[in-house]
């Protein structure tokens, strides 16, 4: 993907990009966060992966690649 410097674009080019982005966003399916369907699906997804989630249960000492191998001595 090429790098686009926004400062080099004309106002018309910026407006066209914005309209294209808004058209793309309009096509997305949206759910209200307060609806039970959305909240329930997020909760179910999190609970289904809870056993493998290292942020929840932590990393075991045997599998931790960042475990210190030994102490550091400064003389």
C-alpha atoms as a PDB file:
ATOM      1  CA  UNK A   1       0.000   0.000   0.000  1.00  0.00           C
ATOM      2  CA  UNK A   2       1.557   3.313  -1.028  1.00  0.00           C
ATOM      3  CA  UNK A   3       2.099   6.071   1.479  1.00  0.00           C
ATOM      4  CA  UNK A   4      -0.259   9.041   0.987  1.00  0.00           C
ATOM      5  CA  UNK A   5       0.697  12.404   2.417  1.00  0.00           C
ATOM      6  CA  UNK A   6      -2.606  14.087   3.313  1.00  0.00           C
ATOM      7  CA  UNK A   7      -1.005  17.534   3.167  1.00  0.00           C
ATOM      8  CA  UNK A   8      -0.256  17.062  -0.541  1.00  0.00           C
ATOM      9  CA  UNK A   9      -3.882  16.265  -1.456  1.00  0.00           C
ATOM     10  CA  UNK A  10      -6.376  18.813  -2.681  1.00  0.00           C
ATOM     11  CA  UNK A  11      -9.579  19.500  -0.775  1.00  0.00           C
ATOM     12  CA  UNK A  12     -11.497  17.603  -3.451  1.00  0.00           C
ATOM     13  CA  UNK A  13      -9.255  14.534  -3.067  1.00  0.00           C
ATOM     14  CA  UNK A  14      -9.714  14.628   0.713  1.00  0.00           C
ATOM     15  CA  UNK A  15     -13.489  14.869   0.323  1.00  0.00           C
ATOM     16  CA  UNK A  16     -13.531  11.917  -2.105  1.00  0.00           C
ATOM     17  CA  UNK A  17     -11.479   9.811   0.325  1.00  0.00           C
ATOM     18  CA  UNK A  18     -13.814  10.698   3.175  1.00  0.00           C
ATOM     19  CA  UNK A  19     -16.920   9.828   1.154  1.00  0.00           C
ATOM     20  CA  UNK A  20     -15.401   6.481   0.148  1.00  0.00           C
ATOM     21  CA  UNK A  21     -14.564   5.711   3.777  1.00  0.00           C
ATOM     22  CA  UNK A  22     -18.092   6.594   4.897  1.00  0.00           C
ATOM     23  CA  UNK A  23     -19.566   4.354   2.176  1.00  0.00           C
ATOM     24  CA  UNK A  24     -17.421   1.480   3.426  1.00  0.00           C
ATOM     25  CA  UNK A  25     -18.460   2.078   7.031  1.00  0.00           C
ATOM     26  CA  UNK A  26     -22.147   2.214   6.072  1.00  0.00           C
ATOM     27  CA  UNK A  27     -21.963  -1.400   4.885  1.00  0.00           C
ATOM     28  CA  UNK A  28     -20.800  -2.684   8.275  1.00  0.00           C
ATOM     29  CA  UNK A  29     -23.311  -4.493  10.462  1.00  0.00           C
ATOM     30  CA  UNK A  30     -23.677  -2.655  13.758  1.00  0.00           C
ATOM     31  CA  UNK A  31     -25.096  -3.775  17.083  1.00  0.00           C
ATOM     32  CA  UNK A  32     -25.960  -1.651  20.052  1.00  0.00           C
ATOM     33  CA  UNK A  33     -23.598  -2.464  22.892  1.00  0.00           C
ATOM     34  CA  UNK A  34     -26.425  -2.375  25.363  1.00  0.00           C
ATOM     35  CA  UNK A  35     -28.306  -5.150  23.545  1.00  0.00           C
ATOM     36  CA  UNK A  36     -28.136  -8.470  25.261  1.00  0.00           C
ATOM     37  CA  UNK A  37     -27.156 -10.242  22.008  1.00  0.00           C
ATOM     38  CA  UNK A  38     -23.897  -8.342  21.692  1.00  0.00           C
ATOM     39  CA  UNK A  39     -22.996  -8.530  25.370  1.00  0.00           C
ATOM     40  CA  UNK A  40     -23.853 -12.219  25.596  1.00  0.00           C
ATOM     41  CA  UNK A  41     -21.752 -13.093  22.537  1.00  0.00           C
ATOM     42  CA  UNK A  42     -18.744 -11.196  23.874  1.00  0.00           C
ATOM     43  CA  UNK A  43     -19.119 -12.847  27.283  1.00  0.00           C
ATOM     44  CA  UNK A  44     -19.441 -16.327  25.719  1.00  0.00           C
ATOM     45  CA  UNK A  45     -16.375 -15.740  23.533  1.00  0.00           C
ATOM     46  CA  UNK A  46     -14.256 -14.652  26.500  1.00  0.00           C
ATOM     47  CA  UNK A  47     -15.408 -17.524  28.691  1.00  0.00           C
ATOM     48  CA  UNK A  48     -14.798 -20.094  25.937  1.00  0.00           C
ATOM     49  CA  UNK A  49     -11.137 -19.088  25.640  1.00  0.00           C
ATOM     50  CA  UNK A  50     -10.560 -18.510  29.362  1.00  0.00           C
ATOM     51  CA  UNK A  51      -8.607 -21.747  29.915  1.00  0.00           C
ATOM     52  CA  UNK A  52      -5.991 -20.893  27.249  1.00  0.00           C
ATOM     53  CA  UNK A  53      -5.822 -17.155  27.995  1.00  0.00           C
ATOM     54  CA  UNK A  54      -2.415 -16.335  29.458  1.00  0.00           C
ATOM     55  CA  UNK A  55      -3.662 -12.965  30.667  1.00  0.00           C
ATOM     56  CA  UNK A  56      -6.184 -14.744  32.904  1.00  0.00           C
ATOM     57  CA  UNK A  57      -4.225 -17.730  34.184  1.00  0.00           C
ATOM     58  CA  UNK A  58      -0.628 -16.589  33.665  1.00  0.00           C
ATOM     59  CA  UNK A  59       2.348 -18.349  32.113  1.00  0.00           C
ATOM     60  CA  UNK A  60       3.652 -21.509  33.726  1.00  0.00           C
ATOM     61  CA  UNK A  61       7.305 -21.411  34.805  1.00  0.00           C
ATOM     62  CA  UNK A  62       8.163 -24.319  32.469  1.00  0.00           C
ATOM     63  CA  UNK A  63       6.770 -22.617  29.351  1.00  0.00           C
ATOM     64  CA  UNK A  64       7.918 -19.045  30.061  1.00  0.00           C
ATOM     65  CA  UNK A  65      10.509 -18.104  27.394  1.00  0.00           C
ATOM     66  CA  UNK A  66      11.426 -14.946  29.340  1.00  0.00           C
ATOM     67  CA  UNK A  67      12.231 -16.737  32.590  1.00  0.00           C
ATOM     68  CA  UNK A  68      15.538 -15.584  34.031  1.00  0.00           C
ATOM     69  CA  UNK A  69      18.218 -18.220  33.501  1.00  0.00           C
ATOM     70  CA  UNK A  70      20.377 -17.085  36.367  1.00  0.00           C
ATOM     71  CA  UNK A  71      21.133 -14.218  38.643  1.00  0.00           C
ATOM     72  CA  UNK A  72      23.121 -11.143  37.769  1.00  0.00           C
ATOM     73  CA  UNK A  73      26.175 -10.281  39.834  1.00  0.00           C
ATOM     74  CA  UNK A  74      27.511  -6.721  39.801  1.00  0.00           C
ATOM     75  CA  UNK A  75      30.950  -6.256  41.346  1.00  0.00           C
END
